[in-house]
Amino acid sequence: MKVAASATKPGSRSRRQDLDAWQHDLTQLAPGKGATIGGERGLSLDFFMHEDRTVSLMVQDPDRMSLALGIGPQETWLQDHQQRLEHVRETWPSEVVETAPMAYEWSPNRKR
């Protein structure tokens, strides 16, 4: 399942929109469905859950390579990933600053 196009111009999605779309896709992930993050700006990560709950994972970098893996994740992998996503949401705004379009640095106020 591809993330629906946003109302903004291609390539202008915010980090928050990316995380919102990723969280929505993960919530909908079930056998026979997929989830995608990225792609509008290059690198993309695609998951597809099969009926037996194994997962196909595709990492695509249009300028360099594509990688496909089949994995049998632990039963709690989806819940674990959603917890990590929540941690990113809590940490990202305070730890990272955007210095130019698509260029990021650690915040000078970052907790170490």
Protein backbone atom coordinates (compact mmCIF):
# COMPACT_ATOMS: atom_id res chain seq x y z
CA MET A 1 0.00 0.00 0.00
CA LYS A 2 1.47 3.33 -0.99
CA VAL A 3 1.01 6.40 1.17
CA ALA A 4 -1.64 8.68 -0.27
CA ALA A 5 -0.37 11.88 -1.81
CA SER A 6 -0.54 14.91 0.42
CA ALA A 7 -1.96 18.29 -0.48
CA THR A 8 1.56 19.72 -0.57
CA LYS A 9 3.90 19.63 -3.56
CA PRO A 10 5.85 16.39 -4.15
CA GLY A 11 8.98 16.35 -2.03
CA SER A 12 7.64 18.96 0.39
CA ARG A 13 6.18 16.62 3.00
CA SER A 14 7.24 17.43 6.54
CA ARG A 15 8.82 14.97 8.95
CA ARG A 16 5.56 15.03 10.92
CA GLN A 17 3.55 14.10 7.81
CA ASP A 18 5.96 11.25 7.07
CA LEU A 19 5.62 9.93 10.62
CA ASP A 20 1.83 10.33 10.56
CA ALA A 21 1.57 8.40 7.28
CA TRP A 22 3.95 5.69 8.56
CA GLN A 23 2.00 5.32 11.80
CA HIS A 24 -1.27 5.05 9.86
CA ASP A 25 0.17 2.38 7.56
CA LEU A 26 1.56 0.39 10.52
CA THR A 27 -1.84 0.52 12.22
CA GLN A 28 -3.42 -0.94 9.08
CA LEU A 29 -0.74 -3.60 8.52
CA ALA A 30 -2.29 -7.08 8.43
CA PRO A 31 -1.93 -10.22 6.32
CA GLY A 32 -2.33 -9.25 2.66
CA LYS A 33 -1.52 -5.56 3.28
CA GLY A 34 1.59 -3.41 3.27
CA ALA A 35 3.16 -0.26 4.65
CA THR A 36 5.52 2.23 3.03
CA ILE A 37 7.62 5.15 4.23
CA GLY A 38 9.65 7.45 2.03
CA GLY A 39 9.93 7.37 -1.72
CA GLU A 40 8.98 10.96 -2.48
CA ARG A 41 12.55 12.07 -1.77
CA GLY A 42 14.49 8.97 -2.75
CA LEU A 43 14.99 6.07 -0.37
CA SER A 44 11.88 4.06 0.49
CA LEU A 45 11.11 1.21 2.86
CA ASP A 46 8.20 -1.12 2.02
CA PHE A 47 6.73 -3.90 4.17
CA PHE A 48 4.23 -6.50 2.97
CA MET A 49 2.71 -9.01 5.40
CA HIS A 50 1.83 -12.39 3.90
CA GLU A 51 -1.03 -14.62 5.05
CA ASP A 52 1.40 -16.72 7.13
CA ARG A 53 2.53 -13.45 8.84
CA THR A 54 6.01 -13.53 7.27
CA VAL A 55 7.09 -10.17 5.93
CA SER A 56 8.66 -9.09 2.66
CA LEU A 57 10.86 -6.05 3.13
CA MET A 58 12.05 -3.91 0.22
CA VAL A 59 14.57 -1.09 0.56
CA GLN A 60 14.81 0.99 -2.61
CA ASP A 61 17.24 3.74 -3.47
CA PRO A 62 16.36 4.76 -7.03
CA ASP A 63 19.87 6.09 -7.70
CA ARG A 64 21.84 3.17 -6.32
CA MET A 65 20.23 -0.14 -5.41
CA SER A 66 17.26 -2.16 -4.27
CA LEU A 67 17.27 -4.83 -1.61
CA ALA A 68 14.54 -7.39 -0.96
CA LEU A 69 14.35 -9.61 2.11
CA GLY A 70 11.89 -12.15 3.41
CA ILE A 71 11.74 -12.32 7.19
CA GLY A 72 9.84 -14.17 9.88
CA PRO A 73 9.72 -11.52 12.61
CA GLN A 74 9.02 -12.13 16.28
CA GLU A 75 5.37 -12.02 17.21
CA THR A 76 5.72 -8.63 18.95
CA TRP A 77 7.73 -6.87 16.23
CA LEU A 78 4.90 -4.59 15.16
CA GLN A 79 4.14 -3.41 18.69
CA ASP A 80 7.88 -2.95 19.32
CA HIS A 81 8.21 -0.85 16.17
CA GLN A 82 5.21 1.30 17.12
CA GLN A 83 6.84 1.99 20.50
CA ARG A 84 10.08 3.02 18.76
CA LEU A 85 8.07 5.28 16.44
CA GLU A 86 6.50 6.97 19.47
CA HIS A 87 9.99 7.49 20.94
CA VAL A 88 11.09 9.13 17.66
CA ARG A 89 8.04 11.44 17.81
CA GLU A 90 8.97 12.48 21.36
CA THR A 91 12.68 12.93 20.67
CA TRP A 92 13.02 14.24 17.10
CA PRO A 93 11.72 17.80 17.52
CA SER A 94 13.97 18.55 20.50
CA GLU A 95 17.10 16.69 19.38
CA VAL A 96 17.35 17.54 15.68
CA VAL A 97 17.12 20.80 13.74
CA GLU A 98 16.61 21.24 9.99
CA THR A 99 19.39 23.56 8.77
CA ALA A 100 18.35 23.52 5.09
CA PRO A 101 15.81 21.54 3.09
CA MET A 102 16.52 17.87 3.86
CA ALA A 103 19.67 18.74 5.88
CA TYR A 104 19.64 17.98 9.62
CA GLU A 105 21.99 18.50 12.55
CA TRP A 106 21.91 17.75 16.24
CA SER A 107 20.38 20.61 18.19
CA PRO A 108 22.88 22.63 20.23
CA ASN A 109 20.47 22.14 23.17
CA ARG A 110 20.47 18.36 22.78
CA LYS A 111 20.56 16.28 25.96
CA ARG A 112 23.65 14.09 26.06
